[in-house]
Amino acid sequence: MPRLALYAIAVCALALAAAVVSFARGSWLGVIWILLLGVSSNIAWYYVRKEKNDRAAEQTGSAG
């Protein structure tokens, strides 16, 4: 797994924890953490898919 995807997953986990704490304290600031969670999960998904596609292209290029 690419390093940037791992960092994005770590940000996802931290944003989720921050959102839970914010909502538990009655703060609407948790909404911002949820938005950050969405963005970081999309970044993680992008880099995982990018690596998968790069590997497939590399195998296809070397086979042909």
PDB file of N, CA and C in Angstrom:
ATOM      1  N   MET A   1       0.854  -1.178   0.000  1.00  0.00           N
ATOM      2  CA  MET A   1       0.000   0.000   0.000  1.00  0.00           C
ATOM      3  C   MET A   1       0.895   1.235   0.000  1.00  0.00           C
ATOM      4  N   PRO A   2       0.550   2.209  -0.835  1.00  0.00           N
ATOM      5  CA  PRO A   2       1.374   3.425  -0.913  1.00  0.00           C
ATOM      6  C   PRO A   2       1.394   4.186   0.420  1.00  0.00           C
ATOM      7  N   ARG A   3       2.487   4.851   0.634  1.00  0.00           N
ATOM      8  CA  ARG A   3       2.670   5.584   1.883  1.00  0.00           C
ATOM      9  C   ARG A   3       1.625   6.686   2.054  1.00  0.00           C
ATOM     10  N   LEU A   4       1.303   7.388   0.978  1.00  0.00           N
ATOM     11  CA  LEU A   4       0.304   8.452   1.082  1.00  0.00           C
ATOM     12  C   LEU A   4      -1.072   7.900   1.434  1.00  0.00           C
ATOM     13  N   ALA A   5      -1.385   6.707   0.966  1.00  0.00           N
ATOM     14  CA  ALA A   5      -2.658   6.088   1.336  1.00  0.00           C
ATOM     15  C   ALA A   5      -2.673   5.748   2.817  1.00  0.00           C
ATOM     16  N   LEU A   6      -1.562   5.284   3.335  1.00  0.00           N
ATOM     17  CA  LEU A   6      -1.486   4.979   4.768  1.00  0.00           C
ATOM     18  C   LEU A   6      -1.647   6.241   5.612  1.00  0.00           C
ATOM     19  N   TYR A   7      -1.024   7.318   5.172  1.00  0.00           N
ATOM     20  CA  TYR A   7      -1.190   8.588   5.890  1.00  0.00           C
ATOM     21  C   TYR A   7      -2.647   9.044   5.852  1.00  0.00           C
ATOM     22  N   ALA A   8      -3.287   8.890   4.709  1.00  0.00           N
ATOM     23  CA  ALA A   8      -4.685   9.303   4.590  1.00  0.00           C
ATOM     24  C   ALA A   8      -5.587   8.446   5.478  1.00  0.00           C
ATOM     25  N   ILE A   9      -5.284   7.165   5.594  1.00  0.00           N
ATOM     26  CA  ILE A   9      -6.066   6.295   6.469  1.00  0.00           C
ATOM     27  C   ILE A   9      -5.863   6.700   7.932  1.00  0.00           C
ATOM     28  N   ALA A  10      -4.640   7.087   8.285  1.00  0.00           N
ATOM     29  CA  ALA A  10      -4.389   7.561   9.645  1.00  0.00           C
ATOM     30  C   ALA A  10      -5.185   8.835   9.920  1.00  0.00           C
ATOM     31  N   VAL A  11      -5.248   9.733   8.941  1.00  0.00           N
ATOM     32  CA  VAL A  11      -6.039  10.958   9.094  1.00  0.00           C
ATOM     33  C   VAL A  11      -7.515  10.609   9.227  1.00  0.00           C
ATOM     34  N   CYS A  12      -7.965   9.593   8.495  1.00  0.00           N
ATOM     35  CA  CYS A  12      -9.362   9.141   8.619  1.00  0.00           C
ATOM     36  C   CYS A  12      -9.664   8.720  10.052  1.00  0.00           C
ATOM     37  N   ALA A  13      -8.786   7.908  10.607  1.00  0.00           N
ATOM     38  CA  ALA A  13      -9.019   7.411  11.965  1.00  0.00           C
ATOM     39  C   ALA A  13      -9.014   8.552  12.980  1.00  0.00           C
ATOM     40  N   LEU A  14      -8.079   9.477  12.830  1.00  0.00           N
ATOM     41  CA  LEU A  14      -8.016  10.602  13.756  1.00  0.00           C
ATOM     42  C   LEU A  14      -9.225  11.534  13.601  1.00  0.00           C
ATOM     43  N   ALA A  15      -9.652  11.752  12.362  1.00  0.00           N
ATOM     44  CA  ALA A  15     -10.823  12.601  12.137  1.00  0.00           C
ATOM     45  C   ALA A  15     -12.081  11.953  12.705  1.00  0.00           C
ATOM     46  N   LEU A  16     -12.180  10.650  12.586  1.00  0.00           N
ATOM     47  CA  LEU A  16     -13.335   9.954  13.152  1.00  0.00           C
ATOM     48  C   LEU A  16     -13.347  10.089  14.674  1.00  0.00           C
ATOM     49  N   ALA A  17     -12.192   9.898  15.294  1.00  0.00           N
ATOM     50  CA  ALA A  17     -12.108  10.042  16.753  1.00  0.00           C
ATOM     51  C   ALA A  17     -12.451  11.471  17.180  1.00  0.00           C
ATOM     52  N   ALA A  18     -11.930  12.448  16.439  1.00  0.00           N
ATOM     53  CA  ALA A  18     -12.218  13.846  16.770  1.00  0.00           C
ATOM     54  C   ALA A  18     -13.702  14.163  16.600  1.00  0.00           C
ATOM     55  N   ALA A  19     -14.327  13.602  15.573  1.00  0.00           N
ATOM     56  CA  ALA A  19     -15.764  13.838  15.364  1.00  0.00           C
ATOM     57  C   ALA A  19     -16.585  13.234  16.488  1.00  0.00           C
ATOM     58  N   VAL A  20     -16.231  12.037  16.905  1.00  0.00           N
ATOM     59  CA  VAL A  20     -16.967  11.391  17.997  1.00  0.00           C
ATOM     60  C   VAL A  20     -16.842  12.207  19.274  1.00  0.00           C
ATOM     61  N   VAL A  21     -15.636  12.662  19.577  1.00  0.00           N
ATOM     62  CA  VAL A  21     -15.427  13.464  20.783  1.00  0.00           C
ATOM     63  C   VAL A  21     -16.188  14.784  20.686  1.00  0.00           C
ATOM     64  N   SER A  22     -16.140  15.417  19.518  1.00  0.00           N
ATOM     65  CA  SER A  22     -16.841  16.697  19.348  1.00  0.00           C
ATOM     66  C   SER A  22     -18.344  16.542  19.541  1.00  0.00           C
ATOM     67  N   PHE A  23     -18.915  15.509  18.909  1.00  0.00           N
ATOM     68  CA  PHE A  23     -20.355  15.311  19.049  1.00  0.00           C
ATOM     69  C   PHE A  23     -20.732  14.883  20.460  1.00  0.00           C
ATOM     70  N   ALA A  24     -19.867  14.125  21.115  1.00  0.00           N
ATOM     71  CA  ALA A  24     -20.146  13.703  22.489  1.00  0.00           C
ATOM     72  C   ALA A  24     -20.170  14.904  23.435  1.00  0.00           C
ATOM     73  N   ARG A  25     -19.383  15.908  23.132  1.00  0.00           N
ATOM     74  CA  ARG A  25     -19.361  17.117  23.953  1.00  0.00           C
ATOM     75  C   ARG A  25     -20.441  18.114  23.548  1.00  0.00           C
ATOM     76  N   GLY A  26     -21.220  17.761  22.529  1.00  0.00           N
ATOM     77  CA  GLY A  26     -22.302  18.641  22.099  1.00  0.00           C
ATOM     78  C   GLY A  26     -21.866  19.745  21.159  1.00  0.00           C
ATOM     79  N   SER A  27     -20.717  19.611  20.559  1.00  0.00           N
ATOM     80  CA  SER A  27     -20.213  20.634  19.657  1.00  0.00           C
ATOM     81  C   SER A  27     -20.542  20.274  18.207  1.00  0.00           C
ATOM     82  N   TRP A  28     -20.954  21.267  17.445  1.00  0.00           N
ATOM     83  CA  TRP A  28     -21.215  21.056  16.025  1.00  0.00           C
ATOM     84  C   TRP A  28     -19.940  21.088  15.203  1.00  0.00           C
ATOM     85  N   LEU A  29     -18.817  21.300  15.842  1.00  0.00           N
ATOM     86  CA  LEU A  29     -17.527  21.281  15.147  1.00  0.00           C
ATOM     87  C   LEU A  29     -17.240  19.897  14.559  1.00  0.00           C
ATOM     88  N   GLY A  30     -17.931  18.883  15.063  1.00  0.00           N
ATOM     89  CA  GLY A  30     -17.778  17.533  14.535  1.00  0.00           C
ATOM     90  C   GLY A  30     -18.123  17.431  13.061  1.00  0.00           C
ATOM     91  N   VAL A  31     -18.966  18.327  12.580  1.00  0.00           N
ATOM     92  CA  VAL A  31     -19.333  18.327  11.158  1.00  0.00           C
ATOM     93  C   VAL A  31     -18.090  18.554  10.304  1.00  0.00           C
ATOM     94  N   ILE A  32     -17.226  19.438  10.731  1.00  0.00           N
ATOM     95  CA  ILE A  32     -15.991  19.701   9.989  1.00  0.00           C
ATOM     96  C   ILE A  32     -15.102  18.466   9.987  1.00  0.00           C
ATOM     97  N   TRP A  33     -15.050  17.757  11.109  1.00  0.00           N
ATOM     98  CA  TRP A  33     -14.253  16.527  11.177  1.00  0.00           C
ATOM     99  C   TRP A  33     -14.821  15.459  10.249  1.00  0.00           C
ATOM    100  N   ILE A  34     -16.138  15.397  10.141  1.00  0.00           N
ATOM    101  CA  ILE A  34     -16.767  14.435   9.228  1.00  0.00           C
ATOM    102  C   ILE A  34     -16.403  14.776   7.782  1.00  0.00           C
ATOM    103  N   LEU A  35     -16.399  16.056   7.451  1.00  0.00           N
ATOM    104  CA  LEU A  35     -16.001  16.464   6.100  1.00  0.00           C
ATOM    105  C   LEU A  35     -14.543  16.107   5.823  1.00  0.00           C
ATOM    106  N   LEU A  36     -13.676  16.318   6.802  1.00  0.00           N
ATOM    107  CA  LEU A  36     -12.271  15.942   6.649  1.00  0.00           C
ATOM    108  C   LEU A  36     -12.129  14.432   6.496  1.00  0.00           C
ATOM    109  N   LEU A  37     -12.945  13.692   7.205  1.00  0.00           N
ATOM    110  CA  LEU A  37     -12.958  12.240   7.084  1.00  0.00           C
ATOM    111  C   LEU A  37     -13.308  11.827   5.653  1.00  0.00           C
ATOM    112  N   GLY A  38     -14.288  12.460   5.076  1.00  0.00           N
ATOM    113  CA  GLY A  38     -14.672  12.144   3.704  1.00  0.00           C
ATOM    114  C   GLY A  38     -13.581  12.446   2.701  1.00  0.00           C
ATOM    115  N   VAL A  39     -12.948  13.587   2.849  1.00  0.00           N
ATOM    116  CA  VAL A  39     -11.876  13.960   1.926  1.00  0.00           C
ATOM    117  C   VAL A  39     -10.688  13.003   2.054  1.00  0.00           C
ATOM    118  N   SER A  40     -10.304  12.705   3.271  1.00  0.00           N
ATOM    119  CA  SER A  40      -9.134  11.833   3.457  1.00  0.00           C
ATOM    120  C   SER A  40      -9.422  10.403   3.006  1.00  0.00           C
ATOM    121  N   SER A  41     -10.661   9.947   3.159  1.00  0.00           N
ATOM    122  CA  SER A  41     -10.976   8.602   2.671  1.00  0.00           C
ATOM    123  C   SER A  41     -10.934   8.560   1.145  1.00  0.00           C
ATOM    124  N   ASN A  42     -11.361   9.636   0.502  1.00  0.00           N
ATOM    125  CA  ASN A  42     -11.267   9.700  -0.959  1.00  0.00           C
ATOM    126  C   ASN A  42      -9.817   9.726  -1.415  1.00  0.00           C
ATOM    127  N   ILE A  43      -8.960  10.422  -0.691  1.00  0.00           N
ATOM    128  CA  ILE A  43      -7.543  10.457  -1.032  1.00  0.00           C
ATOM    129  C   ILE A  43      -6.934   9.067  -0.886  1.00  0.00           C
ATOM    130  N   ALA A  44      -7.272   8.377   0.193  1.00  0.00           N
ATOM    131  CA  ALA A  44      -6.746   7.019   0.398  1.00  0.00           C
ATOM    132  C   ALA A  44      -7.217   6.104  -0.724  1.00  0.00           C
ATOM    133  N   TRP A  45      -8.497   6.183  -1.050  1.00  0.00           N
ATOM    134  CA  TRP A  45      -9.045   5.356  -2.124  1.00  0.00           C
ATOM    135  C   TRP A  45      -8.344   5.646  -3.449  1.00  0.00           C
ATOM    136  N   TYR A  46      -8.093   6.913  -3.735  1.00  0.00           N
ATOM    137  CA  TYR A  46      -7.431   7.306  -4.977  1.00  0.00           C
ATOM    138  C   TYR A  46      -6.048   6.675  -5.086  1.00  0.00           C
ATOM    139  N   TYR A  47      -5.248   6.770  -4.030  1.00  0.00           N
ATOM    140  CA  TYR A  47      -3.893   6.261  -4.106  1.00  0.00           C
ATOM    141  C   TYR A  47      -3.837   4.733  -4.138  1.00  0.00           C
ATOM    142  N   VAL A  48      -4.783   4.072  -3.488  1.00  0.00           N
ATOM    143  CA  VAL A  48      -4.837   2.605  -3.567  1.00  0.00           C
ATOM    144  C   VAL A  48      -5.188   2.184  -4.986  1.00  0.00           C
ATOM    145  N   ARG A  49      -6.197   2.823  -5.578  1.00  0.00           N
ATOM    146  CA  ARG A  49      -6.582   2.490  -6.951  1.00  0.00           C
ATOM    147  C   ARG A  49      -5.478   2.844  -7.944  1.00  0.00           C
ATOM    148  N   LYS A  50      -4.791   3.955  -7.711  1.00  0.00           N
ATOM    149  CA  LYS A  50      -3.710   4.372  -8.599  1.00  0.00           C
ATOM    150  C   LYS A  50      -2.597   3.334  -8.602  1.00  0.00           C
ATOM    151  N   GLU A  51      -2.230   2.833  -7.443  1.00  0.00           N
ATOM    152  CA  GLU A  51      -1.186   1.819  -7.386  1.00  0.00           C
ATOM    153  C   GLU A  51      -1.624   0.534  -8.085  1.00  0.00           C
ATOM    154  N   LYS A  52      -2.872   0.157  -7.887  1.00  0.00           N
ATOM    155  CA  LYS A  52      -3.390  -1.052  -8.530  1.00  0.00           C
ATOM    156  C   LYS A  52      -3.355  -0.898 -10.053  1.00  0.00           C
ATOM    157  N   ASN A  53      -3.786   0.262 -10.546  1.00  0.00           N
ATOM    158  CA  ASN A  53      -3.775   0.504 -11.986  1.00  0.00           C
ATOM    159  C   ASN A  53      -2.360   0.584 -12.542  1.00  0.00           C
ATOM    160  N   ASP A  54      -1.446   1.176 -11.791  1.00  0.00           N
ATOM    161  CA  ASP A  54      -0.049   1.256 -12.227  1.00  0.00           C
ATOM    162  C   ASP A  54       0.568  -0.132 -12.334  1.00  0.00           C
ATOM    163  N   ARG A  55       0.280  -0.983 -11.368  1.00  0.00           N
ATOM    164  CA  ARG A  55       0.795  -2.361 -11.417  1.00  0.00           C
ATOM    165  C   ARG A  55       0.226  -3.122 -12.598  1.00  0.00           C
ATOM    166  N   ALA A  56      -1.060  -2.951 -12.861  1.00  0.00           N
ATOM    167  CA  ALA A  56      -1.686  -3.634 -13.999  1.00  0.00           C
ATOM    168  C   ALA A  56      -1.099  -3.140 -15.318  1.00  0.00           C
ATOM    169  N   ALA A  57      -0.866  -1.853 -15.425  1.00  0.00           N
ATOM    170  CA  ALA A  57      -0.280  -1.294 -16.656  1.00  0.00           C
ATOM    171  C   ALA A  57       1.151  -1.776 -16.836  1.00  0.00           C
ATOM    172  N   GLU A  58       1.875  -1.896 -15.729  1.00  0.00           N
ATOM    173  CA  GLU A  58       3.261  -2.371 -15.811  1.00  0.00           C
ATOM    174  C   GLU A  58       3.309  -3.822 -16.270  1.00  0.00           C
ATOM    175  N   GLN A  59       2.403  -4.657 -15.763  1.00  0.00           N
ATOM    176  CA  GLN A  59       2.372  -6.056 -16.163  1.00  0.00           C
ATOM    177  C   GLN A  59       1.926  -6.199 -17.618  1.00  0.00           C
ATOM    178  N   THR A  60       0.977  -5.388 -18.030  1.00  0.00           N
ATOM    179  CA  THR A  60       0.512  -5.444 -19.403  1.00  0.00           C
ATOM    180  C   THR A  60       1.608  -4.975 -20.371  1.00  0.00           C
ATOM    181  N   GLY A  61       2.314  -3.940 -19.970  1.00  0.00           N
ATOM    182  CA  GLY A  61       3.397  -3.409 -20.819  1.00  0.00           C
ATOM    183  C   GLY A  61       4.554  -4.376 -20.964  1.00  0.00           C
ATOM    184  N   SER A  62       4.883  -5.083 -19.914  1.00  0.00           N
ATOM    185  CA  SER A  62       6.017  -6.007 -19.978  1.00  0.00           C
ATOM    186  C   SER A  62       5.636  -7.309 -20.666  1.00  0.00           C
ATOM    187  N   ALA A  63       4.343  -7.672 -20.670  1.00  0.00           N
ATOM    188  CA  ALA A  63       3.916  -8.921 -21.306  1.00  0.00           C
ATOM    189  C   ALA A  63       3.797  -8.752 -22.816  1.00  0.00           C
ATOM    190  N   GLY A  64       3.516  -7.523 -23.269  1.00  0.00           N
ATOM    191  CA  GLY A  64       3.269  -7.315 -24.700  1.00  0.00           C
ATOM    192  C   GLY A  64       4.454  -6.790 -25.362  1.00  0.00           C
TER     193      GLY A  64
END
